[in-house]
């Protein structure tokens, strides 16, 4: 399961992450809510990625209803939005809407990041 991380700016809101403190790994952030249908469809995808690529990929969910400043910080226009980062923290791709596990893996692979 995702680990609950308290938000420093608002102790009532949360960010769910597989490992926020790990450096040097590619990262996938999914921004959405727990109530929209496409966002709910992303939950098992994110959980599969978190489990299958543990130690190789940081997987994070940010609830935009609880963290509206994060949605603004990342320039979110539509939820869910997935943001892909390389191991140096540079954004390499962004997608809006539902995205399957294989499509996510293909994005990383297409940018030279092999998660195997």
C-alpha atoms as a PDB file:
ATOM      1  CA  UNK A   1       0.000   0.000   0.000  1.00  0.00           C
ATOM      2  CA  UNK A   2       1.045   3.581  -0.427  1.00  0.00           C
ATOM      3  CA  UNK A   3       2.601   5.300   2.555  1.00  0.00           C
ATOM      4  CA  UNK A   4       0.770   8.342   3.955  1.00  0.00           C
ATOM      5  CA  UNK A   5       2.994  11.408   4.043  1.00  0.00           C
ATOM      6  CA  UNK A   6       1.789  14.471   5.931  1.00  0.00           C
ATOM      7  CA  UNK A   7       1.899  17.645   3.944  1.00  0.00           C
ATOM      8  CA  UNK A   8       4.070  20.267   5.649  1.00  0.00           C
ATOM      9  CA  UNK A   9       1.872  23.144   4.493  1.00  0.00           C
ATOM     10  CA  UNK A  10      -1.414  21.628   5.618  1.00  0.00           C
ATOM     11  CA  UNK A  11      -1.355  18.866   8.223  1.00  0.00           C
ATOM     12  CA  UNK A  12      -4.882  17.781   7.247  1.00  0.00           C
ATOM     13  CA  UNK A  13      -3.956  16.913   3.679  1.00  0.00           C
ATOM     14  CA  UNK A  14      -1.837  14.074   2.444  1.00  0.00           C
ATOM     15  CA  UNK A  15       0.352  12.826  -0.359  1.00  0.00           C
ATOM     16  CA  UNK A  16       0.627   9.092  -0.974  1.00  0.00           C
ATOM     17  CA  UNK A  17       3.999   7.802  -2.065  1.00  0.00           C
ATOM     18  CA  UNK A  18       5.978   4.614  -2.357  1.00  0.00           C
ATOM     19  CA  UNK A  19       9.176   6.427  -1.354  1.00  0.00           C
ATOM     20  CA  UNK A  20       9.344  10.226  -1.364  1.00  0.00           C
ATOM     21  CA  UNK A  21      12.848  10.326   0.093  1.00  0.00           C
ATOM     22  CA  UNK A  22      14.602   8.101  -2.443  1.00  0.00           C
ATOM     23  CA  UNK A  23      16.921   9.932  -4.824  1.00  0.00           C
ATOM     24  CA  UNK A  24      18.349   8.923  -8.177  1.00  0.00           C
ATOM     25  CA  UNK A  25      15.300   7.032  -9.394  1.00  0.00           C
ATOM     26  CA  UNK A  26      12.790   7.910 -12.101  1.00  0.00           C
ATOM     27  CA  UNK A  27       9.495   9.087 -10.677  1.00  0.00           C
ATOM     28  CA  UNK A  28       5.834   8.993 -11.675  1.00  0.00           C
ATOM     29  CA  UNK A  29       3.337  11.327 -10.041  1.00  0.00           C
ATOM     30  CA  UNK A  30      -0.391  10.851 -10.538  1.00  0.00           C
ATOM     31  CA  UNK A  31      -2.434  13.899  -9.602  1.00  0.00           C
ATOM     32  CA  UNK A  32      -6.163  13.404  -9.154  1.00  0.00           C
ATOM     33  CA  UNK A  33      -8.853  12.732  -6.584  1.00  0.00           C
ATOM     34  CA  UNK A  34     -10.365   9.643  -5.064  1.00  0.00           C
ATOM     35  CA  UNK A  35     -13.802  10.472  -6.463  1.00  0.00           C
ATOM     36  CA  UNK A  36     -13.434  10.885 -10.241  1.00  0.00           C
ATOM     37  CA  UNK A  37     -13.879   7.710 -12.303  1.00  0.00           C
ATOM     38  CA  UNK A  38     -10.679   7.946 -14.396  1.00  0.00           C
ATOM     39  CA  UNK A  39      -8.760   8.752 -11.181  1.00  0.00           C
ATOM     40  CA  UNK A  40     -10.201   5.647  -9.520  1.00  0.00           C
ATOM     41  CA  UNK A  41      -9.167   3.604 -12.568  1.00  0.00           C
ATOM     42  CA  UNK A  42      -5.575   4.794 -12.043  1.00  0.00           C
ATOM     43  CA  UNK A  43      -5.386   3.398  -8.487  1.00  0.00           C
ATOM     44  CA  UNK A  44      -4.716  -0.248  -9.475  1.00  0.00           C
ATOM     45  CA  UNK A  45      -2.283   0.914 -12.184  1.00  0.00           C
ATOM     46  CA  UNK A  46      -0.286   2.959  -9.693  1.00  0.00           C
ATOM     47  CA  UNK A  47      -0.382   0.138  -7.138  1.00  0.00           C
ATOM     48  CA  UNK A  48       0.885  -2.357  -9.743  1.00  0.00           C
ATOM     49  CA  UNK A  49       3.742  -0.038 -10.704  1.00  0.00           C
ATOM     50  CA  UNK A  50       4.600   0.624  -7.066  1.00  0.00           C
ATOM     51  CA  UNK A  51       4.771  -3.105  -6.330  1.00  0.00           C
ATOM     52  CA  UNK A  52       6.369  -4.381  -9.531  1.00  0.00           C
ATOM     53  CA  UNK A  53       9.045  -1.666  -9.788  1.00  0.00           C
ATOM     54  CA  UNK A  54       9.817  -1.161  -6.100  1.00  0.00           C
ATOM     55  CA  UNK A  55      13.375   0.134  -5.780  1.00  0.00           C
ATOM     56  CA  UNK A  56      13.421   1.132  -9.460  1.00  0.00           C
ATOM     57  CA  UNK A  57      10.628   3.712  -9.691  1.00  0.00           C
ATOM     58  CA  UNK A  58       9.157   6.205  -7.245  1.00  0.00           C
ATOM     59  CA  UNK A  59       5.366   6.170  -7.516  1.00  0.00           C
ATOM     60  CA  UNK A  60       3.407   9.007  -5.951  1.00  0.00           C
ATOM     61  CA  UNK A  61      -0.269  10.003  -5.793  1.00  0.00           C
ATOM     62  CA  UNK A  62      -1.252  13.566  -4.938  1.00  0.00           C
ATOM     63  CA  UNK A  63      -4.885  14.209  -4.084  1.00  0.00           C
ATOM     64  CA  UNK A  64      -5.639  17.548  -5.738  1.00  0.00           C
ATOM     65  CA  UNK A  65      -8.816  18.033  -3.688  1.00  0.00           C
ATOM     66  CA  UNK A  66      -6.724  17.953  -0.516  1.00  0.00           C
ATOM     67  CA  UNK A  67      -3.685  19.658  -2.068  1.00  0.00           C
ATOM     68  CA  UNK A  68      -4.972  22.324  -4.480  1.00  0.00           C
ATOM     69  CA  UNK A  69      -1.687  24.244  -4.224  1.00  0.00           C
ATOM     70  CA  UNK A  70       0.096  21.161  -5.670  1.00  0.00           C
ATOM     71  CA  UNK A  71      -2.293  21.138  -8.627  1.00  0.00           C
ATOM     72  CA  UNK A  72      -1.439  24.791  -9.191  1.00  0.00           C
ATOM     73  CA  UNK A  73       2.289  24.163  -8.672  1.00  0.00           C
ATOM     74  CA  UNK A  74       2.283  21.445 -11.352  1.00  0.00           C
ATOM     75  CA  UNK A  75      -0.020  23.392 -13.713  1.00  0.00           C
ATOM     76  CA  UNK A  76      -2.761  20.756 -13.671  1.00  0.00           C
ATOM     77  CA  UNK A  77      -5.643  21.463 -16.053  1.00  0.00           C
ATOM     78  CA  UNK A  78      -7.391  18.087 -16.003  1.00  0.00           C
ATOM     79  CA  UNK A  79      -7.387  15.095 -13.676  1.00  0.00           C
ATOM     80  CA  UNK A  80      -5.971  12.589 -13.570  1.00  0.00           C
ATOM     81  CA  UNK A  81      -2.625  13.837 -14.834  1.00  0.00           C
ATOM     82  CA  UNK A  82       0.502  11.714 -14.776  1.00  0.00           C
ATOM     83  CA  UNK A  83       3.874  13.455 -14.721  1.00  0.00           C
ATOM     84  CA  UNK A  84       7.026  11.486 -15.549  1.00  0.00           C
ATOM     85  CA  UNK A  85      10.458  12.477 -14.210  1.00  0.00           C
ATOM     86  CA  UNK A  86      13.900  11.110 -14.975  1.00  0.00           C
ATOM     87  CA  UNK A  87      16.330  10.087 -12.210  1.00  0.00           C
ATOM     88  CA  UNK A  88      17.544  13.701 -11.942  1.00  0.00           C
ATOM     89  CA  UNK A  89      14.042  15.044 -11.288  1.00  0.00           C
ATOM     90  CA  UNK A  90      13.589  16.573 -14.745  1.00  0.00           C
ATOM     91  CA  UNK A  91      10.065  16.316 -16.159  1.00  0.00           C
ATOM     92  CA  UNK A  92      10.212  14.202 -19.313  1.00  0.00           C
ATOM     93  CA  UNK A  93       6.540  13.629 -20.172  1.00  0.00           C
ATOM     94  CA  UNK A  94       3.009  14.487 -19.103  1.00  0.00           C
ATOM     95  CA  UNK A  95      -0.312  12.780 -19.796  1.00  0.00           C
ATOM     96  CA  UNK A  96      -3.917  13.725 -18.960  1.00  0.00           C
ATOM     97  CA  UNK A  97      -6.589  11.064 -18.362  1.00  0.00           C
ATOM     98  CA  UNK A  98      -6.383   7.330 -17.782  1.00  0.00           C
ATOM     99  CA  UNK A  99      -3.090   5.682 -18.740  1.00  0.00           C
ATOM    100  CA  UNK A 100      -2.490   1.921 -18.615  1.00  0.00           C
ATOM    101  CA  UNK A 101       0.477   0.226 -16.990  1.00  0.00           C
ATOM    102  CA  UNK A 102       1.935  -0.767 -20.352  1.00  0.00           C
ATOM    103  CA  UNK A 103       1.542   2.744 -21.768  1.00  0.00           C
ATOM    104  CA  UNK A 104       3.383   4.137 -18.738  1.00  0.00           C
ATOM    105  CA  UNK A 105       6.214   1.606 -19.111  1.00  0.00           C
ATOM    106  CA  UNK A 106       6.387   2.442 -22.829  1.00  0.00           C
ATOM    107  CA  UNK A 107       6.813   6.156 -22.049  1.00  0.00           C
ATOM    108  CA  UNK A 108       9.750   5.465 -19.739  1.00  0.00           C
ATOM    109  CA  UNK A 109      11.270   2.984 -22.202  1.00  0.00           C
ATOM    110  CA  UNK A 110      10.820   5.428 -25.093  1.00  0.00           C
ATOM    111  CA  UNK A 111      12.866   7.970 -23.143  1.00  0.00           C
ATOM    112  CA  UNK A 112      15.674   5.534 -22.470  1.00  0.00           C
ATOM    113  CA  UNK A 113      14.595   4.495 -18.976  1.00  0.00           C
ATOM    114  CA  UNK A 114      14.445   0.717 -18.596  1.00  0.00           C
ATOM    115  CA  UNK A 115      12.722  -0.255 -15.356  1.00  0.00           C
ATOM    116  CA  UNK A 116      13.657  -3.956 -15.539  1.00  0.00           C
END
